[in-house]
Amino acid sequence: MHHRNERHSLTTEAPLPFESRTGPCPCTVDVMVLLHREDGRVLLVRRDGPLVPPGGVLRYGEPVTARALREVRRQTGVGVDPDDLEFCHLVHRRTTGGQGRLAVVFTAQRWVGRLRSREDSGRAAMVWADPARPPADRTAHTAALLDAFNAGALLSTDDWATRAGGAA
């Protein structure tokens, strides 16, 4: 039996630069939904800051699909049938603190109800955005996600190569 800290002694390969700890990675999981119209535009919402896709942070013991459906209804007022929710992208990014963070992104092309902001903020807004030309008032992560969505990519690993000690 080998101990975790001995595993690299069995190979000539050096440990990866970002491999400084052992054990499971504690990772925040964001869940987002891109409501996607026939004309190709996707819905972005503003709560208090820049425009982002509707979404939220996954809670312990909660399925990602349940969080996705709940956040769409809460932030846009529309309902999406679980059968109309489709996985479209996974983002694994590195935070400024060096921690991993996942985003599971779904798309839906059908929904019921009328769009309306359910946020109390005076800055709340909804914008149908062209993924190829995202609005200026959005986060860098939203721009990267829309670029990947537009390209049909299933996975992106943002910020791993740009932070100290990381490699893509």
C-alpha atoms as a PDB file:
ATOM      1  CA  MET A   1       0.000   0.000   0.000  1.00  0.00           C
ATOM      2  CA  HIS A   2       1.273   3.457  -0.932  1.00  0.00           C
ATOM      3  CA  HIS A   3       0.549   6.654   0.883  1.00  0.00           C
ATOM      4  CA  ARG A   4      -0.701   9.626  -1.096  1.00  0.00           C
ATOM      5  CA  ASN A   5       2.489  11.611  -0.615  1.00  0.00           C
ATOM      6  CA  GLU A   6       4.533   8.724  -2.078  1.00  0.00           C
ATOM      7  CA  ARG A   7       2.718   8.400  -5.365  1.00  0.00           C
ATOM      8  CA  HIS A   8       5.172  10.548  -7.330  1.00  0.00           C
ATOM      9  CA  SER A   9       8.139   8.521  -6.101  1.00  0.00           C
ATOM     10  CA  LEU A  10       6.998   5.672  -8.366  1.00  0.00           C
ATOM     11  CA  THR A  11       7.385   7.652 -11.585  1.00  0.00           C
ATOM     12  CA  THR A  12      10.020   9.835 -13.207  1.00  0.00           C
ATOM     13  CA  GLU A  13       7.454  12.497 -14.062  1.00  0.00           C
ATOM     14  CA  ALA A  14       7.449  15.612 -11.915  1.00  0.00           C
ATOM     15  CA  PRO A  15       4.177  16.599 -10.241  1.00  0.00           C
ATOM     16  CA  LEU A  16       2.059  19.058 -12.182  1.00  0.00           C
ATOM     17  CA  PRO A  17       2.657  22.687 -11.080  1.00  0.00           C
ATOM     18  CA  PHE A  18      -0.863  23.126  -9.695  1.00  0.00           C
ATOM     19  CA  GLU A  19      -0.772  19.847  -7.765  1.00  0.00           C
ATOM     20  CA  SER A  20       0.099  21.048  -4.303  1.00  0.00           C
ATOM     21  CA  ARG A  21      -2.585  19.263  -2.293  1.00  0.00           C
ATOM     22  CA  THR A  22      -3.992  15.787  -2.170  1.00  0.00           C
ATOM     23  CA  GLY A  23      -7.545  14.621  -1.752  1.00  0.00           C
ATOM     24  CA  PRO A  24     -10.789  15.694  -3.340  1.00  0.00           C
ATOM     25  CA  CYS A  25     -11.124  19.208  -4.691  1.00  0.00           C
ATOM     26  CA  PRO A  26     -13.650  21.354  -2.838  1.00  0.00           C
ATOM     27  CA  CYS A  27     -15.296  23.145  -5.695  1.00  0.00           C
ATOM     28  CA  THR A  28     -18.158  25.600  -5.986  1.00  0.00           C
ATOM     29  CA  VAL A  29     -20.564  24.632  -8.764  1.00  0.00           C
ATOM     30  CA  ASP A  30     -22.472  27.322 -10.624  1.00  0.00           C
ATOM     31  CA  VAL A  31     -25.503  26.328 -12.684  1.00  0.00           C
ATOM     32  CA  MET A  32     -26.626  28.496 -15.605  1.00  0.00           C
ATOM     33  CA  VAL A  33     -29.260  28.391 -18.320  1.00  0.00           C
ATOM     34  CA  LEU A  34     -29.070  30.050 -21.715  1.00  0.00           C
ATOM     35  CA  LEU A  35     -32.612  30.654 -22.931  1.00  0.00           C
ATOM     36  CA  HIS A  36     -32.001  30.445 -26.673  1.00  0.00           C
ATOM     37  CA  ARG A  37     -34.360  32.048 -29.207  1.00  0.00           C
ATOM     38  CA  GLU A  38     -34.832  30.961 -32.838  1.00  0.00           C
ATOM     39  CA  ASP A  39     -32.882  34.020 -34.013  1.00  0.00           C
ATOM     40  CA  GLY A  40     -29.827  32.754 -32.093  1.00  0.00           C
ATOM     41  CA  ARG A  41     -29.954  35.285 -29.277  1.00  0.00           C
ATOM     42  CA  VAL A  42     -29.656  34.221 -25.637  1.00  0.00           C
ATOM     43  CA  LEU A  43     -31.093  35.860 -22.550  1.00  0.00           C
ATOM     44  CA  LEU A  44     -28.788  37.630 -20.108  1.00  0.00           C
ATOM     45  CA  VAL A  45     -29.992  39.132 -16.847  1.00  0.00           C
ATOM     46  CA  ARG A  46     -28.671  41.893 -14.644  1.00  0.00           C
ATOM     47  CA  ARG A  47     -29.285  41.763 -10.958  1.00  0.00           C
ATOM     48  CA  ASP A  48     -26.967  44.326  -9.341  1.00  0.00           C
ATOM     49  CA  GLY A  49     -23.885  44.022 -11.543  1.00  0.00           C
ATOM     50  CA  PRO A  50     -23.068  43.158 -15.143  1.00  0.00           C
ATOM     51  CA  LEU A  51     -25.179  40.981 -17.442  1.00  0.00           C
ATOM     52  CA  VAL A  52     -24.929  37.220 -16.859  1.00  0.00           C
ATOM     53  CA  PRO A  53     -26.977  34.141 -17.801  1.00  0.00           C
ATOM     54  CA  PRO A  54     -29.719  33.212 -15.332  1.00  0.00           C
ATOM     55  CA  GLY A  55     -28.252  30.886 -12.741  1.00  0.00           C
ATOM     56  CA  GLY A  56     -27.104  30.270  -9.226  1.00  0.00           C
ATOM     57  CA  VAL A  57     -24.845  28.241  -6.978  1.00  0.00           C
ATOM     58  CA  LEU A  58     -25.628  24.566  -6.520  1.00  0.00           C
ATOM     59  CA  ARG A  59     -26.642  23.659  -2.975  1.00  0.00           C
ATOM     60  CA  TYR A  60     -25.548  20.539  -1.158  1.00  0.00           C
ATOM     61  CA  GLY A  61     -27.660  17.500  -2.136  1.00  0.00           C
ATOM     62  CA  GLU A  62     -29.390  19.313  -5.006  1.00  0.00           C
ATOM     63  CA  PRO A  63     -29.404  18.051  -8.625  1.00  0.00           C
ATOM     64  CA  VAL A  64     -27.974  20.533 -11.139  1.00  0.00           C
ATOM     65  CA  THR A  65     -31.150  20.350 -13.217  1.00  0.00           C
ATOM     66  CA  ALA A  66     -33.325  21.300 -10.236  1.00  0.00           C
ATOM     67  CA  ARG A  67     -31.149  24.354  -9.533  1.00  0.00           C
ATOM     68  CA  ALA A  68     -31.232  25.339 -13.215  1.00  0.00           C
ATOM     69  CA  LEU A  69     -35.019  25.169 -13.424  1.00  0.00           C
ATOM     70  CA  ARG A  70     -35.479  27.019 -10.121  1.00  0.00           C
ATOM     71  CA  GLU A  71     -33.108  29.869 -11.060  1.00  0.00           C
ATOM     72  CA  VAL A  72     -34.682  30.379 -14.485  1.00  0.00           C
ATOM     73  CA  ARG A  73     -38.120  30.728 -12.908  1.00  0.00           C
ATOM     74  CA  ARG A  74     -36.847  32.921 -10.067  1.00  0.00           C
ATOM     75  CA  GLN A  75     -34.823  35.282 -12.268  1.00  0.00           C
ATOM     76  CA  THR A  76     -36.948  35.447 -15.423  1.00  0.00           C
ATOM     77  CA  GLY A  77     -40.489  34.442 -14.443  1.00  0.00           C
ATOM     78  CA  VAL A  78     -40.685  31.686 -17.079  1.00  0.00           C
ATOM     79  CA  GLY A  79     -40.903  27.949 -16.606  1.00  0.00           C
ATOM     80  CA  VAL A  80     -38.858  25.381 -18.481  1.00  0.00           C
ATOM     81  CA  ASP A  81     -39.994  21.781 -18.731  1.00  0.00           C
ATOM     82  CA  PRO A  82     -37.217  19.464 -17.469  1.00  0.00           C
ATOM     83  CA  ASP A  83     -37.346  17.635 -20.825  1.00  0.00           C
ATOM     84  CA  ASP A  84     -36.520  20.910 -22.616  1.00  0.00           C
ATOM     85  CA  LEU A  85     -33.371  21.519 -20.583  1.00  0.00           C
ATOM     86  CA  GLU A  86     -30.255  20.406 -22.504  1.00  0.00           C
ATOM     87  CA  PHE A  87     -26.663  20.299 -21.307  1.00  0.00           C
ATOM     88  CA  CYS A  88     -24.516  22.528 -23.505  1.00  0.00           C
ATOM     89  CA  HIS A  89     -21.246  23.389 -21.754  1.00  0.00           C
ATOM     90  CA  LEU A  90     -18.992  22.804 -18.757  1.00  0.00           C
ATOM     91  CA  VAL A  91     -16.607  25.491 -17.550  1.00  0.00           C
ATOM     92  CA  HIS A  92     -13.765  24.673 -15.189  1.00  0.00           C
ATOM     93  CA  ARG A  93     -12.167  27.933 -14.190  1.00  0.00           C
ATOM     94  CA  ARG A  94      -9.704  29.070 -11.622  1.00  0.00           C
ATOM     95  CA  THR A  95     -10.716  31.857  -9.265  1.00  0.00           C
ATOM     96  CA  THR A  96      -8.453  34.750  -8.320  1.00  0.00           C
ATOM     97  CA  GLY A  97      -7.817  32.864  -5.062  1.00  0.00           C
ATOM     98  CA  GLY A  98      -6.553  29.845  -7.022  1.00  0.00           C
ATOM     99  CA  GLN A  99      -9.524  27.578  -6.305  1.00  0.00           C
ATOM    100  CA  GLY A 100     -11.308  25.561  -8.963  1.00  0.00           C
ATOM    101  CA  ARG A 101     -14.881  26.490  -9.812  1.00  0.00           C
ATOM    102  CA  LEU A 102     -17.230  24.609 -12.135  1.00  0.00           C
ATOM    103  CA  ALA A 103     -20.126  25.969 -14.142  1.00  0.00           C
ATOM    104  CA  VAL A 104     -22.654  23.563 -15.607  1.00  0.00           C
ATOM    105  CA  VAL A 105     -24.475  25.320 -18.437  1.00  0.00           C
ATOM    106  CA  PHE A 106     -27.781  24.250 -19.951  1.00  0.00           C
ATOM    107  CA  THR A 107     -29.762  25.641 -22.828  1.00  0.00           C
ATOM    108  CA  ALA A 108     -33.509  25.727 -23.379  1.00  0.00           C
ATOM    109  CA  GLN A 109     -35.274  26.675 -26.577  1.00  0.00           C
ATOM    110  CA  ARG A 110     -38.800  26.375 -25.192  1.00  0.00           C
ATOM    111  CA  TRP A 111     -40.347  27.883 -22.093  1.00  0.00           C
ATOM    112  CA  VAL A 112     -43.752  28.955 -20.854  1.00  0.00           C
ATOM    113  CA  GLY A 113     -44.834  32.243 -19.368  1.00  0.00           C
ATOM    114  CA  ARG A 114     -43.932  35.853 -19.900  1.00  0.00           C
ATOM    115  CA  LEU A 115     -40.424  37.114 -19.211  1.00  0.00           C
ATOM    116  CA  ARG A 116     -40.263  39.530 -16.313  1.00  0.00           C
ATOM    117  CA  SER A 117     -37.574  40.516 -13.903  1.00  0.00           C
ATOM    118  CA  ARG A 118     -38.281  39.215 -10.444  1.00  0.00           C
ATOM    119  CA  GLU A 119     -35.363  41.012  -8.849  1.00  0.00           C
ATOM    120  CA  ASP A 120     -35.954  44.020  -6.606  1.00  0.00           C
ATOM    121  CA  SER A 121     -32.857  45.895  -7.709  1.00  0.00           C
ATOM    122  CA  GLY A 122     -33.356  49.172  -9.543  1.00  0.00           C
ATOM    123  CA  ARG A 123     -30.643  48.002 -11.986  1.00  0.00           C
ATOM    124  CA  ALA A 124     -32.403  44.727 -12.868  1.00  0.00           C
ATOM    125  CA  ALA A 125     -32.681  44.117 -16.609  1.00  0.00           C
ATOM    126  CA  MET A 126     -32.996  41.415 -19.247  1.00  0.00           C
ATOM    127  CA  VAL A 127     -31.251  41.551 -22.606  1.00  0.00           C
ATOM    128  CA  TRP A 128     -31.451  39.263 -25.629  1.00  0.00           C
ATOM    129  CA  ALA A 129     -27.804  39.113 -26.684  1.00  0.00           C
ATOM    130  CA  ASP A 130     -26.070  37.863 -29.804  1.00  0.00           C
ATOM    131  CA  PRO A 131     -23.513  35.313 -28.502  1.00  0.00           C
ATOM    132  CA  ALA A 132     -21.079  36.358 -31.257  1.00  0.00           C
ATOM    133  CA  ARG A 133     -21.233  39.982 -30.085  1.00  0.00           C
ATOM    134  CA  PRO A 134     -21.976  40.067 -26.348  1.00  0.00           C
ATOM    135  CA  PRO A 135     -22.910  43.426 -24.822  1.00  0.00           C
ATOM    136  CA  ALA A 136     -20.161  45.495 -23.231  1.00  0.00           C
ATOM    137  CA  ASP A 137     -21.898  45.370 -19.830  1.00  0.00           C
ATOM    138  CA  ARG A 138     -21.154  41.712 -19.093  1.00  0.00           C
ATOM    139  CA  THR A 139     -18.518  39.806 -17.146  1.00  0.00           C
ATOM    140  CA  ALA A 140     -15.402  38.393 -18.800  1.00  0.00           C
ATOM    141  CA  HIS A 141     -16.637  34.923 -17.846  1.00  0.00           C
ATOM    142  CA  THR A 142     -19.954  35.570 -19.600  1.00  0.00           C
ATOM    143  CA  ALA A 143     -18.104  36.686 -22.742  1.00  0.00           C
ATOM    144  CA  ALA A 144     -15.925  33.539 -22.653  1.00  0.00           C
ATOM    145  CA  LEU A 145     -18.988  31.335 -22.120  1.00  0.00           C
ATOM    146  CA  LEU A 146     -20.870  32.926 -25.028  1.00  0.00           C
ATOM    147  CA  ASP A 147     -17.805  32.521 -27.250  1.00  0.00           C
ATOM    148  CA  ALA A 148     -17.594  28.812 -26.365  1.00  0.00           C
ATOM    149  CA  PHE A 149     -21.366  28.408 -26.842  1.00  0.00           C
ATOM    150  CA  ASN A 150     -21.170  30.088 -30.240  1.00  0.00           C
ATOM    151  CA  ALA A 151     -18.318  27.742 -31.246  1.00  0.00           C
ATOM    152  CA  GLY A 152     -20.237  24.660 -30.074  1.00  0.00           C
ATOM    153  CA  ALA A 153     -17.565  23.735 -27.525  1.00  0.00           C
ATOM    154  CA  LEU A 154     -18.572  21.422 -24.689  1.00  0.00           C
ATOM    155  CA  LEU A 155     -15.709  22.281 -22.314  1.00  0.00           C
ATOM    156  CA  SER A 156     -13.607  25.291 -21.464  1.00  0.00           C
ATOM    157  CA  THR A 157     -10.877  25.603 -18.848  1.00  0.00           C
ATOM    158  CA  ASP A 158     -10.683  29.314 -18.156  1.00  0.00           C
ATOM    159  CA  ASP A 159      -7.896  30.982 -16.170  1.00  0.00           C
ATOM    160  CA  TRP A 160      -5.792  27.873 -15.492  1.00  0.00           C
ATOM    161  CA  ALA A 161      -2.862  29.022 -17.641  1.00  0.00           C
ATOM    162  CA  THR A 162      -3.093  32.685 -16.636  1.00  0.00           C
ATOM    163  CA  ARG A 163      -2.807  32.367 -12.874  1.00  0.00           C
ATOM    164  CA  ALA A 164       0.459  31.690 -11.113  1.00  0.00           C
ATOM    165  CA  GLY A 165       1.139  28.014 -10.633  1.00  0.00           C
ATOM    166  CA  GLY A 166      -1.427  26.818 -13.170  1.00  0.00           C
ATOM    167  CA  ALA A 167      -1.332  25.074 -16.486  1.00  0.00           C
ATOM    168  CA  ALA A 168      -4.111  24.253 -18.877  1.00  0.00           C
END
